[in-house]
Amino acid sequence: MFVRRQFAQQQTNHLIAAAAAVAVLLAGAMLAGVASADSDAVERGEQAAAVCMACHQADGNGMEVPGASSWPRLAGLNADYLAAQLRAFKSGERQDAEMKPFADMLDDEQIDDVSAYYASLPAKAPAQVPDADDDTLAAGKQLAVRGDWDHYIPSCASCHGPGNHGVGAVFPEIAGQHAGYLAEQLHAWREGKRHGDPQGLMHAVAQRMDDAQIEAVAAWLSRQAPLADGQGGSQ
């Protein structure tokens, strides 16, 4: 009886080991398939993104012209967030006269591919940041890291995550984003020109911020290092 039990246990162990080996092989194959699919999407996205490069630059890190225009960094942002924004531009939910024609050129697959491409690119800190004195930067850091609870303004990090490096598809990385773009979007949220934030959160927060606070937090955030490995917003 003991011998039979021992033999049965050995056979069971062999079956478990074999099943585990098969599971590992299958998992590896599935991961390889996902990696291949992602690689294909990035390759297609690079081709479709040719129309984006004039403004967002060849490396996807955008550009700011002081006193003029600011084109945001797309490199390293969460792919699902980028896709959602492109669809919002296309549908008109998010209004922008420059972005609308380009979003209209892309079909659903191209939107996903372009987003995957930009998400795969390494993020770089802005080459230019606005002049700001120490008091302004200190005020900006206070808002970004700790908030201003006397005026019911939560910190940026409470939603955008540690280091303001983004959380998922809803809260993008804002560390290392161009100051002009950040300030422009905060004004748009405050004035009700931009929509789509969960539960009206950004609108409510921006309404409590004055111009000086907007400029301060934008200046400080633009000086912070973004995640440089193409994984911004993936937490």
C-alpha atoms as a PDB file:
ATOM      1  CA  MET A   1       0.000   0.000   0.000  1.00  0.00           C
ATOM      2  CA  PHE A   2       2.782   2.395   0.956  1.00  0.00           C
ATOM      3  CA  VAL A   3       4.651   1.676  -2.297  1.00  0.00           C
ATOM      4  CA  ARG A   4       1.538   2.298  -4.362  1.00  0.00           C
ATOM      5  CA  ARG A   5       0.879   5.560  -2.495  1.00  0.00           C
ATOM      6  CA  GLN A   6       4.485   6.663  -2.996  1.00  0.00           C
ATOM      7  CA  PHE A   7       4.311   5.811  -6.699  1.00  0.00           C
ATOM      8  CA  ALA A   8       1.035   7.711  -7.063  1.00  0.00           C
ATOM      9  CA  GLN A   9       2.535  10.722  -5.309  1.00  0.00           C
ATOM     10  CA  GLN A  10       5.545  10.636  -7.634  1.00  0.00           C
ATOM     11  CA  GLN A  11       3.271  10.476 -10.645  1.00  0.00           C
ATOM     12  CA  THR A  12       1.245  13.386  -9.294  1.00  0.00           C
ATOM     13  CA  ASN A  13       4.402  15.412  -8.740  1.00  0.00           C
ATOM     14  CA  HIS A  14       5.506  14.683 -12.290  1.00  0.00           C
ATOM     15  CA  LEU A  15       2.135  15.775 -13.630  1.00  0.00           C
ATOM     16  CA  ILE A  16       2.244  18.995 -11.578  1.00  0.00           C
ATOM     17  CA  ALA A  17       5.771  19.710 -12.807  1.00  0.00           C
ATOM     18  CA  ALA A  18       4.750  19.015 -16.400  1.00  0.00           C
ATOM     19  CA  ALA A  19       1.670  21.210 -16.079  1.00  0.00           C
ATOM     20  CA  ALA A  20       3.775  23.983 -14.573  1.00  0.00           C
ATOM     21  CA  ALA A  21       6.253  23.713 -17.436  1.00  0.00           C
ATOM     22  CA  VAL A  22       3.461  23.883 -19.994  1.00  0.00           C
ATOM     23  CA  ALA A  23       1.968  26.890 -18.189  1.00  0.00           C
ATOM     24  CA  VAL A  24       5.334  28.653 -18.281  1.00  0.00           C
ATOM     25  CA  LEU A  25       5.699  27.930 -21.995  1.00  0.00           C
ATOM     26  CA  LEU A  26       2.169  29.140 -22.712  1.00  0.00           C
ATOM     27  CA  ALA A  27       2.667  32.270 -20.641  1.00  0.00           C
ATOM     28  CA  GLY A  28       5.913  32.958 -22.462  1.00  0.00           C
ATOM     29  CA  ALA A  29       4.214  32.512 -25.800  1.00  0.00           C
ATOM     30  CA  MET A  30       1.381  34.814 -24.761  1.00  0.00           C
ATOM     31  CA  LEU A  31       3.807  37.482 -23.549  1.00  0.00           C
ATOM     32  CA  ALA A  32       5.780  37.156 -26.770  1.00  0.00           C
ATOM     33  CA  GLY A  33       2.549  37.587 -28.704  1.00  0.00           C
ATOM     34  CA  VAL A  34       1.645  40.704 -26.712  1.00  0.00           C
ATOM     35  CA  ALA A  35       5.142  42.122 -27.187  1.00  0.00           C
ATOM     36  CA  SER A  36       4.918  41.423 -30.921  1.00  0.00           C
ATOM     37  CA  ALA A  37       1.487  43.073 -31.127  1.00  0.00           C
ATOM     38  CA  ASP A  38       2.771  46.100 -29.190  1.00  0.00           C
ATOM     39  CA  SER A  39       5.825  46.293 -31.428  1.00  0.00           C
ATOM     40  CA  ASP A  40       3.643  46.195 -34.530  1.00  0.00           C
ATOM     41  CA  ALA A  41       1.381  48.923 -33.136  1.00  0.00           C
ATOM     42  CA  VAL A  42       4.373  51.136 -32.336  1.00  0.00           C
ATOM     43  CA  GLU A  43       5.771  50.630 -35.844  1.00  0.00           C
ATOM     44  CA  ARG A  44       2.447  51.515 -37.455  1.00  0.00           C
ATOM     45  CA  GLY A  45       2.060  54.429 -35.054  1.00  0.00           C
ATOM     46  CA  GLU A  46       5.406  55.897 -36.010  1.00  0.00           C
ATOM     47  CA  GLN A  47       4.274  56.046 -39.622  1.00  0.00           C
ATOM     48  CA  ALA A  48       0.871  57.532 -38.763  1.00  0.00           C
ATOM     49  CA  ALA A  49       2.494  60.092 -36.417  1.00  0.00           C
ATOM     50  CA  ALA A  50       4.319  61.810 -39.283  1.00  0.00           C
ATOM     51  CA  VAL A  51       1.630  64.521 -39.282  1.00  0.00           C
ATOM     52  CA  CYS A  52       2.196  65.142 -35.554  1.00  0.00           C
ATOM     53  CA  MET A  53       5.913  65.833 -35.705  1.00  0.00           C
ATOM     54  CA  ALA A  54       5.762  69.407 -36.948  1.00  0.00           C
ATOM     55  CA  CYS A  55       4.352  70.526 -33.601  1.00  0.00           C
ATOM     56  CA  HIS A  56       5.198  67.772 -31.125  1.00  0.00           C
ATOM     57  CA  GLN A  57       8.691  67.281 -32.603  1.00  0.00           C
ATOM     58  CA  ALA A  58      10.303  64.145 -33.976  1.00  0.00           C
ATOM     59  CA  ASP A  59      11.045  62.818 -30.488  1.00  0.00           C
ATOM     60  CA  GLY A  60       7.530  63.561 -29.179  1.00  0.00           C
ATOM     61  CA  ASN A  61       8.777  65.905 -26.467  1.00  0.00           C
ATOM     62  CA  GLY A  62       6.990  68.972 -27.768  1.00  0.00           C
ATOM     63  CA  MET A  63       8.210  72.525 -27.764  1.00  0.00           C
ATOM     64  CA  GLU A  64       7.478  75.805 -26.076  1.00  0.00           C
ATOM     65  CA  VAL A  65       7.973  79.189 -27.670  1.00  0.00           C
ATOM     66  CA  PRO A  66       7.935  81.737 -24.841  1.00  0.00           C
ATOM     67  CA  GLY A  67       5.171  84.269 -25.320  1.00  0.00           C
ATOM     68  CA  ALA A  68       3.732  82.319 -28.250  1.00  0.00           C
ATOM     69  CA  SER A  69       2.647  78.698 -28.540  1.00  0.00           C
ATOM     70  CA  SER A  70       3.253  75.590 -26.481  1.00  0.00           C
ATOM     71  CA  TRP A  71       2.974  72.086 -27.871  1.00  0.00           C
ATOM     72  CA  PRO A  72       2.877  69.492 -25.092  1.00  0.00           C
ATOM     73  CA  ARG A  73       5.173  66.565 -24.580  1.00  0.00           C
ATOM     74  CA  LEU A  74       3.488  63.331 -25.636  1.00  0.00           C
ATOM     75  CA  ALA A  75       6.521  61.081 -25.195  1.00  0.00           C
ATOM     76  CA  GLY A  76       6.173  58.673 -22.304  1.00  0.00           C
ATOM     77  CA  LEU A  77       2.553  59.507 -21.507  1.00  0.00           C
ATOM     78  CA  ASN A  78       0.068  56.710 -20.910  1.00  0.00           C
ATOM     79  CA  ALA A  79      -1.145  55.262 -24.230  1.00  0.00           C
ATOM     80  CA  ASP A  80      -4.778  54.967 -23.142  1.00  0.00           C
ATOM     81  CA  TYR A  81      -4.759  58.579 -21.950  1.00  0.00           C
ATOM     82  CA  LEU A  82      -3.350  59.762 -25.289  1.00  0.00           C
ATOM     83  CA  ALA A  83      -5.928  57.728 -27.224  1.00  0.00           C
ATOM     84  CA  ALA A  84      -8.756  59.168 -25.125  1.00  0.00           C
ATOM     85  CA  GLN A  85      -7.576  62.712 -25.835  1.00  0.00           C
ATOM     86  CA  LEU A  86      -7.324  62.104 -29.575  1.00  0.00           C
ATOM     87  CA  ARG A  87     -10.853  60.714 -29.585  1.00  0.00           C
ATOM     88  CA  ALA A  88     -12.044  63.721 -27.594  1.00  0.00           C
ATOM     89  CA  PHE A  89     -10.490  66.081 -30.148  1.00  0.00           C
ATOM     90  CA  LYS A  90     -12.086  64.079 -32.966  1.00  0.00           C
ATOM     91  CA  SER A  91     -15.548  64.060 -31.396  1.00  0.00           C
ATOM     92  CA  GLY A  92     -15.370  67.733 -30.431  1.00  0.00           C
ATOM     93  CA  GLU A  93     -15.620  66.991 -26.701  1.00  0.00           C
ATOM     94  CA  ARG A  94     -12.219  68.614 -26.388  1.00  0.00           C
ATOM     95  CA  GLN A  95     -11.995  71.725 -28.560  1.00  0.00           C
ATOM     96  CA  ASP A  96      -8.812  72.774 -30.294  1.00  0.00           C
ATOM     97  CA  ALA A  97      -8.717  74.318 -33.750  1.00  0.00           C
ATOM     98  CA  GLU A  98      -5.202  73.018 -34.409  1.00  0.00           C
ATOM     99  CA  MET A  99      -5.749  69.458 -33.177  1.00  0.00           C
ATOM    100  CA  LYS A 100      -9.182  68.785 -34.665  1.00  0.00           C
ATOM    101  CA  PRO A 101      -8.080  68.412 -38.325  1.00  0.00           C
ATOM    102  CA  PHE A 102      -5.256  66.055 -37.401  1.00  0.00           C
ATOM    103  CA  ALA A 103      -7.439  63.937 -35.134  1.00  0.00           C
ATOM    104  CA  ASP A 104     -10.008  63.694 -37.922  1.00  0.00           C
ATOM    105  CA  MET A 105      -7.338  62.182 -40.199  1.00  0.00           C
ATOM    106  CA  LEU A 106      -6.908  59.171 -37.924  1.00  0.00           C
ATOM    107  CA  ASP A 107      -9.204  56.165 -37.729  1.00  0.00           C
ATOM    108  CA  ASP A 108      -9.646  54.184 -34.499  1.00  0.00           C
ATOM    109  CA  GLU A 109      -6.756  51.814 -35.154  1.00  0.00           C
ATOM    110  CA  GLN A 110      -4.435  54.678 -36.070  1.00  0.00           C
ATOM    111  CA  ILE A 111      -5.380  56.527 -32.893  1.00  0.00           C
ATOM    112  CA  ASP A 112      -4.396  53.483 -30.828  1.00  0.00           C
ATOM    113  CA  ASP A 113      -1.204  53.004 -32.832  1.00  0.00           C
ATOM    114  CA  VAL A 114      -0.108  56.634 -32.595  1.00  0.00           C
ATOM    115  CA  SER A 115      -0.793  56.580 -28.863  1.00  0.00           C
ATOM    116  CA  ALA A 116       1.249  53.389 -28.429  1.00  0.00           C
ATOM    117  CA  TYR A 117       4.088  54.965 -30.391  1.00  0.00           C
ATOM    118  CA  TYR A 118       4.267  58.125 -28.291  1.00  0.00           C
ATOM    119  CA  ALA A 119       3.897  56.155 -25.054  1.00  0.00           C
ATOM    120  CA  SER A 120       6.956  54.123 -26.060  1.00  0.00           C
ATOM    121  CA  LEU A 121       9.219  57.166 -26.483  1.00  0.00           C
ATOM    122  CA  PRO A 122      11.526  58.377 -23.708  1.00  0.00           C
ATOM    123  CA  ALA A 123      10.405  61.572 -22.006  1.00  0.00           C
ATOM    124  CA  LYS A 124      12.746  64.530 -21.728  1.00  0.00           C
ATOM    125  CA  ALA A 125      12.583  67.589 -19.507  1.00  0.00           C
ATOM    126  CA  PRO A 126      11.714  70.850 -21.305  1.00  0.00           C
ATOM    127  CA  ALA A 127      14.668  72.607 -22.861  1.00  0.00           C
ATOM    128  CA  GLN A 128      13.188  75.951 -21.809  1.00  0.00           C
ATOM    129  CA  VAL A 129      11.353  76.868 -18.641  1.00  0.00           C
ATOM    130  CA  PRO A 130       9.857  80.230 -17.692  1.00  0.00           C
ATOM    131  CA  ASP A 131      11.739  82.614 -15.454  1.00  0.00           C
ATOM    132  CA  ALA A 132      10.500  82.344 -11.887  1.00  0.00           C
ATOM    133  CA  ASP A 133      11.856  83.602  -8.581  1.00  0.00           C
ATOM    134  CA  ASP A 134      12.339  81.447  -5.497  1.00  0.00           C
ATOM    135  CA  ASP A 135       9.076  82.557  -3.886  1.00  0.00           C
ATOM    136  CA  THR A 136       7.096  81.645  -6.989  1.00  0.00           C
ATOM    137  CA  LEU A 137       8.717  78.227  -7.213  1.00  0.00           C
ATOM    138  CA  ALA A 138       8.144  77.598  -3.517  1.00  0.00           C
ATOM    139  CA  ALA A 139       4.464  78.445  -3.948  1.00  0.00           C
ATOM    140  CA  GLY A 140       4.278  76.137  -6.957  1.00  0.00           C
ATOM    141  CA  LYS A 141       5.884  73.280  -5.058  1.00  0.00           C
ATOM    142  CA  GLN A 142       3.455  73.774  -2.185  1.00  0.00           C
ATOM    143  CA  LEU A 143       0.491  73.417  -4.538  1.00  0.00           C
ATOM    144  CA  ALA A 144       1.942  70.475  -6.449  1.00  0.00           C
ATOM    145  CA  VAL A 145       3.112  68.470  -3.450  1.00  0.00           C
ATOM    146  CA  ARG A 146       0.945  69.509  -0.499  1.00  0.00           C
ATOM    147  CA  GLY A 147      -1.892  71.631  -1.885  1.00  0.00           C
ATOM    148  CA  ASP A 148      -3.548  74.637  -0.265  1.00  0.00           C
ATOM    149  CA  TRP A 149      -6.183  73.256   2.061  1.00  0.00           C
ATOM    150  CA  ASP A 150      -7.073  76.721   3.374  1.00  0.00           C
ATOM    151  CA  HIS A 151      -8.656  77.233  -0.045  1.00  0.00           C
ATOM    152  CA  TYR A 152      -9.710  73.594  -0.614  1.00  0.00           C
ATOM    153  CA  ILE A 153      -7.054  72.990  -3.260  1.00  0.00           C
ATOM    154  CA  PRO A 154      -5.686  69.420  -3.082  1.00  0.00           C
ATOM    155  CA  SER A 155      -2.141  68.751  -4.182  1.00  0.00           C
ATOM    156  CA  CYS A 156      -1.540  67.794  -7.796  1.00  0.00           C
ATOM    157  CA  ALA A 157       0.199  64.642  -6.532  1.00  0.00           C
ATOM    158  CA  SER A 158      -2.922  63.455  -4.731  1.00  0.00           C
ATOM    159  CA  CYS A 159      -4.388  62.578  -8.150  1.00  0.00           C
ATOM    160  CA  HIS A 160      -1.403  62.570 -10.502  1.00  0.00           C
ATOM    161  CA  GLY A 161       0.539  60.243  -8.251  1.00  0.00           C
ATOM    162  CA  PRO A 162       3.950  60.230  -6.580  1.00  0.00           C
ATOM    163  CA  GLY A 163       6.247  62.710  -8.250  1.00  0.00           C
ATOM    164  CA  ASN A 164       3.282  63.765 -10.408  1.00  0.00           C
ATOM    165  CA  HIS A 165       4.299  60.995 -12.805  1.00  0.00           C
ATOM    166  CA  GLY A 166       0.710  60.065 -13.644  1.00  0.00           C
ATOM    167  CA  VAL A 167      -1.748  57.360 -12.685  1.00  0.00           C
ATOM    168  CA  GLY A 168      -3.337  55.187 -15.348  1.00  0.00           C
ATOM    169  CA  ALA A 169      -5.361  56.552 -18.230  1.00  0.00           C
ATOM    170  CA  VAL A 170      -7.129  59.327 -16.302  1.00  0.00           C
ATOM    171  CA  PHE A 171      -4.377  61.347 -14.622  1.00  0.00           C
ATOM    172  CA  PRO A 172      -1.465  62.050 -16.988  1.00  0.00           C
ATOM    173  CA  GLU A 173       2.105  62.730 -15.997  1.00  0.00           C
ATOM    174  CA  ILE A 174       2.506  66.473 -15.484  1.00  0.00           C
ATOM    175  CA  ALA A 175       6.046  66.514 -14.098  1.00  0.00           C
ATOM    176  CA  GLY A 176       8.366  67.775 -16.809  1.00  0.00           C
ATOM    177  CA  GLN A 177       5.513  69.021 -18.994  1.00  0.00           C
ATOM    178  CA  HIS A 178       5.871  72.415 -20.675  1.00  0.00           C
ATOM    179  CA  ALA A 179       4.843  75.248 -18.359  1.00  0.00           C
ATOM    180  CA  GLY A 180       2.934  77.165 -21.015  1.00  0.00           C
ATOM    181  CA  TYR A 181       0.820  74.122 -21.824  1.00  0.00           C
ATOM    182  CA  LEU A 182       0.117  73.364 -18.156  1.00  0.00           C
ATOM    183  CA  ALA A 183      -0.971  76.949 -17.500  1.00  0.00           C
ATOM    184  CA  GLU A 184      -3.094  76.993 -20.656  1.00  0.00           C
ATOM    185  CA  GLN A 185      -4.920  73.820 -19.634  1.00  0.00           C
ATOM    186  CA  LEU A 186      -5.502  75.004 -16.064  1.00  0.00           C
ATOM    187  CA  HIS A 187      -7.084  78.175 -17.455  1.00  0.00           C
ATOM    188  CA  ALA A 188      -9.201  76.042 -19.804  1.00  0.00           C
ATOM    189  CA  TRP A 189     -10.375  73.849 -16.907  1.00  0.00           C
ATOM    190  CA  ARG A 190     -11.099  76.912 -14.772  1.00  0.00           C
ATOM    191  CA  GLU A 191     -13.126  78.623 -17.490  1.00  0.00           C
ATOM    192  CA  GLY A 192     -15.081  75.485 -18.386  1.00  0.00           C
ATOM    193  CA  LYS A 193     -13.541  75.296 -21.860  1.00  0.00           C
ATOM    194  CA  ARG A 194     -12.127  71.834 -21.263  1.00  0.00           C
ATOM    195  CA  HIS A 195     -14.276  68.913 -20.157  1.00  0.00           C
ATOM    196  CA  GLY A 196     -14.037  65.172 -19.580  1.00  0.00           C
ATOM    197  CA  ASP A 197     -12.438  65.204 -16.143  1.00  0.00           C
ATOM    198  CA  PRO A 198     -13.863  62.593 -13.744  1.00  0.00           C
ATOM    199  CA  GLN A 199     -16.619  64.109 -11.594  1.00  0.00           C
ATOM    200  CA  GLY A 200     -15.618  67.610 -12.710  1.00  0.00           C
ATOM    201  CA  LEU A 201     -12.556  67.384 -10.486  1.00  0.00           C
ATOM    202  CA  MET A 202     -10.158  69.519 -12.529  1.00  0.00           C
ATOM    203  CA  HIS A 203     -12.783  72.183 -13.110  1.00  0.00           C
ATOM    204  CA  ALA A 204     -13.537  72.382  -9.387  1.00  0.00           C
ATOM    205  CA  VAL A 205      -9.870  72.600  -8.412  1.00  0.00           C
ATOM    206  CA  ALA A 206      -8.883  75.093 -11.110  1.00  0.00           C
ATOM    207  CA  GLN A 207     -11.786  77.370 -10.156  1.00  0.00           C
ATOM    208  CA  ARG A 208     -10.166  77.848  -6.741  1.00  0.00           C
ATOM    209  CA  MET A 209      -6.810  78.857  -8.237  1.00  0.00           C
ATOM    210  CA  ASP A 210      -5.865  82.410  -9.128  1.00  0.00           C
ATOM    211  CA  ASP A 211      -3.577  83.378 -12.004  1.00  0.00           C
ATOM    212  CA  ALA A 212      -0.505  83.601  -9.789  1.00  0.00           C
ATOM    213  CA  GLN A 213      -1.064  80.092  -8.440  1.00  0.00           C
ATOM    214  CA  ILE A 214      -1.528  78.692 -11.935  1.00  0.00           C
ATOM    215  CA  GLU A 215       1.691  80.276 -13.175  1.00  0.00           C
ATOM    216  CA  ALA A 216       3.583  79.151 -10.056  1.00  0.00           C
ATOM    217  CA  VAL A 217       2.565  75.495 -10.176  1.00  0.00           C
ATOM    218  CA  ALA A 218       3.154  75.335 -13.939  1.00  0.00           C
ATOM    219  CA  ALA A 219       6.635  76.821 -13.531  1.00  0.00           C
ATOM    220  CA  TRP A 220       7.558  74.376 -10.752  1.00  0.00           C
ATOM    221  CA  LEU A 221       6.187  71.283 -12.485  1.00  0.00           C
ATOM    222  CA  SER A 222       8.022  72.141 -15.709  1.00  0.00           C
ATOM    223  CA  ARG A 223      11.292  71.960 -13.767  1.00  0.00           C
ATOM    224  CA  GLN A 224      10.648  68.435 -12.439  1.00  0.00           C
ATOM    225  CA  ALA A 225      12.150  65.401 -14.105  1.00  0.00           C
ATOM    226  CA  PRO A 226       9.679  63.219 -16.015  1.00  0.00           C
ATOM    227  CA  LEU A 227       9.924  59.463 -16.061  1.00  0.00           C
ATOM    228  CA  ALA A 228      12.458  58.911 -18.804  1.00  0.00           C
ATOM    229  CA  ASP A 229      11.737  55.303 -19.744  1.00  0.00           C
ATOM    230  CA  GLY A 230       8.542  55.655 -21.712  1.00  0.00           C
ATOM    231  CA  GLN A 231       6.399  54.466 -18.797  1.00  0.00           C
ATOM    232  CA  GLY A 232       4.805  57.688 -17.569  1.00  0.00           C
ATOM    233  CA  GLY A 233       1.344  57.191 -16.190  1.00  0.00           C
ATOM    234  CA  SER A 234       1.528  53.425 -15.959  1.00  0.00           C
ATOM    235  CA  GLN A 235       1.305  53.201 -12.162  1.00  0.00           C
END
